[in-house]
PDB file of N, CA and C in Angstrom:
ATOM      1  N   MET A   1       3.717  -5.534 -10.959  1.00  0.00           N
ATOM      2  CA  MET A   1       2.307  -5.768 -11.152  1.00  0.00           C
ATOM      3  C   MET A   1       1.543  -5.312  -9.916  1.00  0.00           C
ATOM      4  N   PRO A   2       0.477  -4.576 -10.117  1.00  0.00           N
ATOM      5  CA  PRO A   2      -0.310  -4.092  -8.974  1.00  0.00           C
ATOM      6  C   PRO A   2      -1.200  -5.181  -8.375  1.00  0.00           C
ATOM      7  N   ILE A   3      -1.527  -4.971  -7.110  1.00  0.00           N
ATOM      8  CA  ILE A   3      -2.463  -5.854  -6.415  1.00  0.00           C
ATOM      9  C   ILE A   3      -3.813  -5.149  -6.394  1.00  0.00           C
ATOM     10  N   TYR A   4      -4.847  -5.806  -6.906  1.00  0.00           N
ATOM     11  CA  TYR A   4      -6.188  -5.234  -6.931  1.00  0.00           C
ATOM     12  C   TYR A   4      -7.063  -5.895  -5.883  1.00  0.00           C
ATOM     13  N   ILE A   5      -8.008  -5.130  -5.340  1.00  0.00           N
ATOM     14  CA  ILE A   5      -8.950  -5.635  -4.348  1.00  0.00           C
ATOM     15  C   ILE A   5     -10.328  -5.696  -4.992  1.00  0.00           C
ATOM     16  N   TYR A   6     -10.995  -6.823  -4.817  1.00  0.00           N
ATOM     17  CA  TYR A   6     -12.341  -7.021  -5.342  1.00  0.00           C
ATOM     18  C   TYR A   6     -13.295  -7.342  -4.205  1.00  0.00           C
ATOM     19  N   LYS A   7     -14.544  -6.866  -4.330  1.00  0.00           N
ATOM     20  CA  LYS A   7     -15.616  -7.175  -3.380  1.00  0.00           C
ATOM     21  C   LYS A   7     -16.873  -7.503  -4.166  1.00  0.00           C
ATOM     22  N   VAL A   8     -17.792  -8.219  -3.495  1.00  0.00           N
ATOM     23  CA  VAL A   8     -19.050  -8.561  -4.131  1.00  0.00           C
ATOM     24  C   VAL A   8     -19.797  -7.263  -4.474  1.00  0.00           C
ATOM     25  N   LYS A   9     -20.488  -7.267  -5.594  1.00  0.00           N
ATOM     26  CA  LYS A   9     -21.249  -6.102  -6.039  1.00  0.00           C
ATOM     27  C   LYS A   9     -22.334  -5.776  -5.015  1.00  0.00           C
ATOM     28  N   GLU A  10     -22.540  -4.485  -4.750  1.00  0.00           N
ATOM     29  CA  GLU A  10     -23.519  -4.054  -3.745  1.00  0.00           C
ATOM     30  C   GLU A  10     -24.904  -4.608  -4.050  1.00  0.00           C
ATOM     31  N   GLY A  11     -25.536  -5.115  -3.014  1.00  0.00           N
ATOM     32  CA  GLY A  11     -26.874  -5.669  -3.158  1.00  0.00           C
ATOM     33  C   GLY A  11     -26.886  -7.171  -3.385  1.00  0.00           C
ATOM     34  N   LEU A  12     -25.721  -7.753  -3.611  1.00  0.00           N
ATOM     35  CA  LEU A  12     -25.636  -9.198  -3.813  1.00  0.00           C
ATOM     36  C   LEU A  12     -25.071  -9.854  -2.559  1.00  0.00           C
ATOM     37  N   ARG A  13     -25.383 -11.128  -2.369  1.00  0.00           N
ATOM     38  CA  ARG A  13     -24.947 -11.843  -1.154  1.00  0.00           C
ATOM     39  C   ARG A  13     -23.484 -12.236  -1.205  1.00  0.00           C
ATOM     40  N   GLY A  14     -23.109 -13.001  -2.180  1.00  0.00           N
ATOM     41  CA  GLY A  14     -21.744 -13.470  -2.296  1.00  0.00           C
ATOM     42  C   GLY A  14     -21.366 -14.449  -1.197  1.00  0.00           C
ATOM     43  N   CYS A  15     -20.140 -14.904  -1.218  1.00  0.00           N
ATOM     44  CA  CYS A  15     -19.624 -15.810  -0.186  1.00  0.00           C
ATOM     45  C   CYS A  15     -18.751 -15.007   0.778  1.00  0.00           C
ATOM     46  N   LYS A  16     -18.264 -15.655   1.820  1.00  0.00           N
ATOM     47  CA  LYS A  16     -17.418 -14.974   2.804  1.00  0.00           C
ATOM     48  C   LYS A  16     -16.177 -14.400   2.124  1.00  0.00           C
ATOM     49  N   PHE A  17     -15.645 -15.112   1.150  1.00  0.00           N
ATOM     50  CA  PHE A  17     -14.440 -14.705   0.422  1.00  0.00           C
ATOM     51  C   PHE A  17     -14.625 -13.343  -0.249  1.00  0.00           C
ATOM     52  N   CYS A  18     -15.714 -13.173  -0.985  1.00  0.00           N
ATOM     53  CA  CYS A  18     -15.909 -11.920  -1.720  1.00  0.00           C
ATOM     54  C   CYS A  18     -16.637 -10.850  -0.908  1.00  0.00           C
ATOM     55  N   ARG A  19     -17.373 -11.235   0.144  1.00  0.00           N
ATOM     56  CA  ARG A  19     -18.001 -10.218   1.010  1.00  0.00           C
ATOM     57  C   ARG A  19     -16.942  -9.428   1.760  1.00  0.00           C
ATOM     58  N   GLU A  20     -15.908 -10.107   2.230  1.00  0.00           N
ATOM     59  CA  GLU A  20     -14.826  -9.435   2.972  1.00  0.00           C
ATOM     60  C   GLU A  20     -13.839  -8.767   2.033  1.00  0.00           C
ATOM     61  N   GLY A  21     -13.848  -9.147   0.787  1.00  0.00           N
ATOM     62  CA  GLY A  21     -12.918  -8.601  -0.191  1.00  0.00           C
ATOM     63  C   GLY A  21     -11.699  -9.498  -0.305  1.00  0.00           C
ATOM     64  N   PHE A  22     -11.184  -9.614  -1.513  1.00  0.00           N
ATOM     65  CA  PHE A  22      -9.991 -10.421  -1.736  1.00  0.00           C
ATOM     66  C   PHE A  22      -9.039  -9.673  -2.652  1.00  0.00           C
ATOM     67  N   GLU A  23      -7.761  -9.980  -2.521  1.00  0.00           N
ATOM     68  CA  GLU A  23      -6.735  -9.334  -3.324  1.00  0.00           C
ATOM     69  C   GLU A  23      -6.276 -10.283  -4.411  1.00  0.00           C
ATOM     70  N   ILE A  24      -5.918  -9.718  -5.557  1.00  0.00           N
ATOM     71  CA  ILE A  24      -5.408 -10.531  -6.653  1.00  0.00           C
ATOM     72  C   ILE A  24      -4.339  -9.728  -7.386  1.00  0.00           C
ATOM     73  N   LEU A  25      -3.255 -10.386  -7.732  1.00  0.00           N
ATOM     74  CA  LEU A  25      -2.147  -9.771  -8.456  1.00  0.00           C
ATOM     75  C   LEU A  25      -2.442  -9.886  -9.943  1.00  0.00           C
ATOM     76  N   GLN A  26      -2.535  -8.744 -10.632  1.00  0.00           N
ATOM     77  CA  GLN A  26      -2.849  -8.740 -12.057  1.00  0.00           C
ATOM     78  C   GLN A  26      -1.966  -7.727 -12.764  1.00  0.00           C
ATOM     79  N   ARG A  27      -1.761  -7.971 -14.045  1.00  0.00           N
ATOM     80  CA  ARG A  27      -1.073  -6.976 -14.872  1.00  0.00           C
ATOM     81  C   ARG A  27      -2.043  -5.815 -15.110  1.00  0.00           C
ATOM     82  N   ILE A  28      -1.488  -4.664 -15.393  1.00  0.00           N
ATOM     83  CA  ILE A  28      -2.317  -3.474 -15.647  1.00  0.00           C
ATOM     84  C   ILE A  28      -3.201  -3.690 -16.874  1.00  0.00           C
ATOM     85  N   ASN A  29      -2.696  -4.396 -17.865  1.00  0.00           N
ATOM     86  CA  ASN A  29      -3.448  -4.625 -19.107  1.00  0.00           C
ATOM     87  C   ASN A  29      -4.483  -5.734 -18.985  1.00  0.00           C
ATOM     88  N   ASP A  30      -4.452  -6.527 -17.910  1.00  0.00           N
ATOM     89  CA  ASP A  30      -5.429  -7.600 -17.728  1.00  0.00           C
ATOM     90  C   ASP A  30      -6.826  -7.020 -17.506  1.00  0.00           C
ATOM     91  N   ALA A  31      -7.815  -7.700 -18.037  1.00  0.00           N
ATOM     92  CA  ALA A  31      -9.206  -7.273 -17.832  1.00  0.00           C
ATOM     93  C   ALA A  31      -9.587  -7.504 -16.371  1.00  0.00           C
ATOM     94  N   PRO A  32     -10.391  -6.594 -15.787  1.00  0.00           N
ATOM     95  CA  PRO A  32     -10.817  -6.793 -14.403  1.00  0.00           C
ATOM     96  C   PRO A  32     -11.691  -8.041 -14.270  1.00  0.00           C
ATOM     97  N   LEU A  33     -11.638  -8.654 -13.101  1.00  0.00           N
ATOM     98  CA  LEU A  33     -12.487  -9.825 -12.842  1.00  0.00           C
ATOM     99  C   LEU A  33     -13.950  -9.408 -12.854  1.00  0.00           C
ATOM    100  N   LYS A  34     -14.801 -10.284 -13.321  1.00  0.00           N
ATOM    101  CA  LYS A  34     -16.231 -10.010 -13.327  1.00  0.00           C
ATOM    102  C   LYS A  34     -16.959 -10.891 -12.313  1.00  0.00           C
ATOM    103  N   ARG A  35     -16.370 -12.032 -11.962  1.00  0.00           N
ATOM    104  CA  ARG A  35     -17.011 -12.997 -11.066  1.00  0.00           C
ATOM    105  C   ARG A  35     -16.045 -13.441  -9.977  1.00  0.00           C
ATOM    106  N   CYS A  36     -16.594 -13.763  -8.815  1.00  0.00           N
ATOM    107  CA  CYS A  36     -15.820 -14.292  -7.689  1.00  0.00           C
ATOM    108  C   CYS A  36     -15.296 -15.681  -8.068  1.00  0.00           C
ATOM    109  N   PRO A  37     -14.004 -15.945  -7.843  1.00  0.00           N
ATOM    110  CA  PRO A  37     -13.479 -17.268  -8.181  1.00  0.00           C
ATOM    111  C   PRO A  37     -14.034 -18.388  -7.285  1.00  0.00           C
ATOM    112  N   GLU A  38     -14.603 -18.044  -6.131  1.00  0.00           N
ATOM    113  CA  GLU A  38     -15.137 -19.048  -5.208  1.00  0.00           C
ATOM    114  C   GLU A  38     -16.604 -19.382  -5.486  1.00  0.00           C
ATOM    115  N   CYS A  39     -17.457 -18.339  -5.574  1.00  0.00           N
ATOM    116  CA  CYS A  39     -18.897 -18.600  -5.685  1.00  0.00           C
ATOM    117  C   CYS A  39     -19.508 -18.174  -7.022  1.00  0.00           C
ATOM    118  N   GLY A  40     -18.775 -17.416  -7.836  1.00  0.00           N
ATOM    119  CA  GLY A  40     -19.285 -17.007  -9.143  1.00  0.00           C
ATOM    120  C   GLY A  40     -20.161 -15.771  -9.126  1.00  0.00           C
ATOM    121  N   GLU A  41     -20.333 -15.129  -7.955  1.00  0.00           N
ATOM    122  CA  GLU A  41     -21.146 -13.906  -7.855  1.00  0.00           C
ATOM    123  C   GLU A  41     -20.387 -12.743  -8.512  1.00  0.00           C
ATOM    124  N   GLU A  42     -21.137 -11.723  -8.971  1.00  0.00           N
ATOM    125  CA  GLU A  42     -20.509 -10.560  -9.602  1.00  0.00           C
ATOM    126  C   GLU A  42     -19.673  -9.788  -8.584  1.00  0.00           C
ATOM    127  N   VAL A  43     -18.478  -9.342  -9.008  1.00  0.00           N
ATOM    128  CA  VAL A  43     -17.601  -8.550  -8.140  1.00  0.00           C
ATOM    129  C   VAL A  43     -17.197  -7.269  -8.851  1.00  0.00           C
ATOM    130  N   VAL A  44     -16.785  -6.289  -8.047  1.00  0.00           N
ATOM    131  CA  VAL A  44     -16.280  -5.021  -8.569  1.00  0.00           C
ATOM    132  C   VAL A  44     -14.918  -4.746  -7.936  1.00  0.00           C
ATOM    133  N   ARG A  45     -14.075  -4.054  -8.690  1.00  0.00           N
ATOM    134  CA  ARG A  45     -12.763  -3.674  -8.175  1.00  0.00           C
ATOM    135  C   ARG A  45     -12.929  -2.407  -7.337  1.00  0.00           C
ATOM    136  N   VAL A  46     -12.326  -2.384  -6.159  1.00  0.00           N
ATOM    137  CA  VAL A  46     -12.435  -1.222  -5.278  1.00  0.00           C
ATOM    138  C   VAL A  46     -11.070  -0.573  -5.118  1.00  0.00           C
ATOM    139  N   LEU A  47     -11.080   0.707  -4.783  1.00  0.00           N
ATOM    140  CA  LEU A  47      -9.823   1.423  -4.551  1.00  0.00           C
ATOM    141  C   LEU A  47      -9.175   0.907  -3.281  1.00  0.00           C
ATOM    142  N   SER A  48      -7.864   0.840  -3.300  1.00  0.00           N
ATOM    143  CA  SER A  48      -7.134   0.391  -2.122  1.00  0.00           C
ATOM    144  C   SER A  48      -6.207   1.500  -1.644  1.00  0.00           C
ATOM    145  N   ASN A  49      -5.725   1.352  -0.437  1.00  0.00           N
ATOM    146  CA  ASN A  49      -4.741   2.300   0.088  1.00  0.00           C
ATOM    147  C   ASN A  49      -3.425   2.071  -0.632  1.00  0.00           C
ATOM    148  N   PHE A  50      -2.694   3.135  -0.829  1.00  0.00           N
ATOM    149  CA  PHE A  50      -1.401   2.999  -1.474  1.00  0.00           C
ATOM    150  C   PHE A  50      -0.414   3.953  -0.816  1.00  0.00           C
ATOM    151  N   SER A  51       0.841   3.680  -1.026  1.00  0.00           N
ATOM    152  CA  SER A  51       1.903   4.487  -0.436  1.00  0.00           C
ATOM    153  C   SER A  51       2.676   5.163  -1.552  1.00  0.00           C
ATOM    154  N   VAL A  52       2.878   6.456  -1.422  1.00  0.00           N
ATOM    155  CA  VAL A  52       3.597   7.203  -2.433  1.00  0.00           C
ATOM    156  C   VAL A  52       5.084   7.231  -2.125  1.00  0.00           C
ATOM    157  N   GLY A  53       5.446   7.307  -0.872  1.00  0.00           N
ATOM    158  CA  GLY A  53       6.854   7.368  -0.491  1.00  0.00           C
ATOM    159  C   GLY A  53       7.006   7.323   1.011  1.00  0.00           C
ATOM    160  N   PHE A  54       8.198   7.599   1.459  1.00  0.00           N
ATOM    161  CA  PHE A  54       8.493   7.579   2.883  1.00  0.00           C
ATOM    162  C   PHE A  54       8.392   8.986   3.465  1.00  0.00           C
ATOM    163  N   SER A  55       7.972   9.092   4.713  1.00  0.00           N
ATOM    164  CA  SER A  55       7.963  10.384   5.380  1.00  0.00           C
ATOM    165  C   SER A  55       9.371  10.684   5.867  1.00  0.00           C
ATOM    166  N   GLN A  56       9.637  11.929   6.203  1.00  0.00           N
ATOM    167  CA  GLN A  56      10.966  12.316   6.670  1.00  0.00           C
ATOM    168  C   GLN A  56      11.322  11.581   7.961  1.00  0.00           C
ATOM    169  N   THR A  57      10.349  11.383   8.859  1.00  0.00           N
ATOM    170  CA  THR A  57      10.645  10.692  10.116  1.00  0.00           C
ATOM    171  C   THR A  57      11.021   9.235   9.861  1.00  0.00           C
ATOM    172  N   THR A  58      10.396   8.606   8.882  1.00  0.00           N
ATOM    173  CA  THR A  58      10.745   7.228   8.538  1.00  0.00           C
ATOM    174  C   THR A  58      12.156   7.161   7.974  1.00  0.00           C
ATOM    175  N   LEU A  59      12.497   8.117   7.111  1.00  0.00           N
ATOM    176  CA  LEU A  59      13.846   8.144   6.542  1.00  0.00           C
ATOM    177  C   LEU A  59      14.891   8.386   7.632  1.00  0.00           C
ATOM    178  N   ASP A  60      14.589   9.290   8.574  1.00  0.00           N
ATOM    179  CA  ASP A  60      15.509   9.565   9.681  1.00  0.00           C
ATOM    180  C   ASP A  60      15.707   8.325  10.541  1.00  0.00           C
ATOM    181  N   ARG A  61      14.625   7.640  10.839  1.00  0.00           N
ATOM    182  CA  ARG A  61      14.707   6.439  11.680  1.00  0.00           C
ATOM    183  C   ARG A  61      15.531   5.348  10.992  1.00  0.00           C
ATOM    184  N   LYS A  62      15.299   5.155   9.698  1.00  0.00           N
ATOM    185  CA  LYS A  62      16.037   4.127   8.968  1.00  0.00           C
ATOM    186  C   LYS A  62      17.525   4.474   8.884  1.00  0.00           C
ATOM    187  N   ALA A  63      17.837   5.744   8.669  1.00  0.00           N
ATOM    188  CA  ALA A  63      19.242   6.162   8.619  1.00  0.00           C
ATOM    189  C   ALA A  63      19.921   5.915   9.960  1.00  0.00           C
ATOM    190  N   LYS A  64      19.228   6.234  11.056  1.00  0.00           N
ATOM    191  CA  LYS A  64      19.776   6.029  12.400  1.00  0.00           C
ATOM    192  C   LYS A  64      20.005   4.535  12.659  1.00  0.00           C
ATOM    193  N   GLU A  65      19.065   3.689  12.238  1.00  0.00           N
ATOM    194  CA  GLU A  65      19.204   2.246  12.414  1.00  0.00           C
ATOM    195  C   GLU A  65      20.413   1.696  11.664  1.00  0.00           C
ATOM    196  N   LYS A  66      20.754   2.302  10.537  1.00  0.00           N
ATOM    197  CA  LYS A  66      21.885   1.835   9.726  1.00  0.00           C
ATOM    198  C   LYS A  66      23.215   2.438  10.174  1.00  0.00           C
ATOM    199  N   GLY A  67      23.186   3.295  11.212  1.00  0.00           N
ATOM    200  CA  GLY A  67      24.423   3.838  11.756  1.00  0.00           C
ATOM    201  C   GLY A  67      24.833   5.199  11.220  1.00  0.00           C
ATOM    202  N   PHE A  68      23.955   5.848  10.453  1.00  0.00           N
ATOM    203  CA  PHE A  68      24.270   7.184   9.950  1.00  0.00           C
ATOM    204  C   PHE A  68      23.947   8.230  11.010  1.00  0.00           C
ATOM    205  N   HIS A  69      24.550   9.416  10.871  1.00  0.00           N
ATOM    206  CA  HIS A  69      24.309  10.517  11.802  1.00  0.00           C
ATOM    207  C   HIS A  69      23.694  11.688  11.058  1.00  0.00           C
ATOM    208  N   LYS A  70      22.857  12.431  11.741  1.00  0.00           N
ATOM    209  CA  LYS A  70      22.255  13.622  11.165  1.00  0.00           C
ATOM    210  C   LYS A  70      22.895  14.830  11.841  1.00  0.00           C
ATOM    211  N   LEU A  71      23.301  15.793  11.021  1.00  0.00           N
ATOM    212  CA  LEU A  71      23.956  16.985  11.542  1.00  0.00           C
ATOM    213  C   LEU A  71      23.067  18.199  11.318  1.00  0.00           C
ATOM    214  N   LYS A  72      23.136  19.144  12.255  1.00  0.00           N
ATOM    215  CA  LYS A  72      22.383  20.398  12.159  1.00  0.00           C
ATOM    216  C   LYS A  72      23.397  21.533  12.157  1.00  0.00           C
ATOM    217  N   LYS A  73      23.264  22.448  11.200  1.00  0.00           N
ATOM    218  CA  LYS A  73      24.185  23.584  11.112  1.00  0.00           C
ATOM    219  C   LYS A  73      23.844  24.577  12.216  1.00  0.00           C
ATOM    220  N   VAL A  74      24.804  24.893  13.073  1.00  0.00           N
ATOM    221  CA  VAL A  74      24.568  25.821  14.178  1.00  0.00           C
ATOM    222  C   VAL A  74      25.249  27.167  13.964  1.00  0.00           C
ATOM    223  N   ASP A  75      26.287  27.189  13.145  1.00  0.00           N
ATOM    224  CA  ASP A  75      27.011  28.424  12.866  1.00  0.00           C
ATOM    225  C   ASP A  75      27.772  28.207  11.564  1.00  0.00           C
ATOM    226  N   LYS A  76      28.414  29.253  11.074  1.00  0.00           N
ATOM    227  CA  LYS A  76      29.159  29.141   9.836  1.00  0.00           C
ATOM    228  C   LYS A  76      30.287  28.109  10.015  1.00  0.00           C
ATOM    229  N   GLY A  77      30.169  26.997   9.316  1.00  0.00           N
ATOM    230  CA  GLY A  77      31.199  25.960   9.382  1.00  0.00           C
ATOM    231  C   GLY A  77      31.123  25.070  10.630  1.00  0.00           C
ATOM    232  N   LYS A  78      30.095  25.246  11.478  1.00  0.00           N
ATOM    233  CA  LYS A  78      29.967  24.428  12.691  1.00  0.00           C
ATOM    234  C   LYS A  78      28.651  23.651  12.639  1.00  0.00           C
ATOM    235  N   TYR A  79      28.750  22.379  12.989  1.00  0.00           N
ATOM    236  CA  TYR A  79      27.583  21.506  12.972  1.00  0.00           C
ATOM    237  C   TYR A  79      27.440  20.789  14.292  1.00  0.00           C
ATOM    238  N   GLU A  80      26.226  20.488  14.640  1.00  0.00           N
ATOM    239  CA  GLU A  80      25.911  19.756  15.886  1.00  0.00           C
ATOM    240  C   GLU A  80      25.312  18.406  15.488  1.00  0.00           C
ATOM    241  N   LYS A  81      25.774  17.371  16.154  1.00  0.00           N
ATOM    242  CA  LYS A  81      25.291  16.022  15.881  1.00  0.00           C
ATOM    243  C   LYS A  81      23.939  15.836  16.555  1.00  0.00           C
ATOM    244  N   LEU A  82      22.882  15.487  15.774  1.00  0.00           N
ATOM    245  CA  LEU A  82      21.545  15.264  16.354  1.00  0.00           C
ATOM    246  C   LEU A  82      21.398  13.847  16.869  1.00  0.00           C
ATOM    247  N   TYR A  83      21.937  12.886  16.164  1.00  0.00           N
ATOM    248  CA  TYR A  83      21.929  11.490  16.611  1.00  0.00           C
ATOM    249  C   TYR A  83      23.057  10.757  15.969  1.00  0.00           C
TER     250      TYR A  83
END
């Protein structure tokens, strides 16, 4: 289930909870919230940052932490240990 972020609708005051934005776990098929659960002011769902996958440097670091080694081919049939 995705986590959605809601903020008070532009031009409205709202409470501290919805002015700063709040996260809520909802099913994809659930209807979006229309009101702040704290003060009842109108809210809108905003886009959030998301991660698609790991970068190569992150994968290399995690492999090294788990004790794996990375090899680089230096010649036909010869490899050099990078870490």
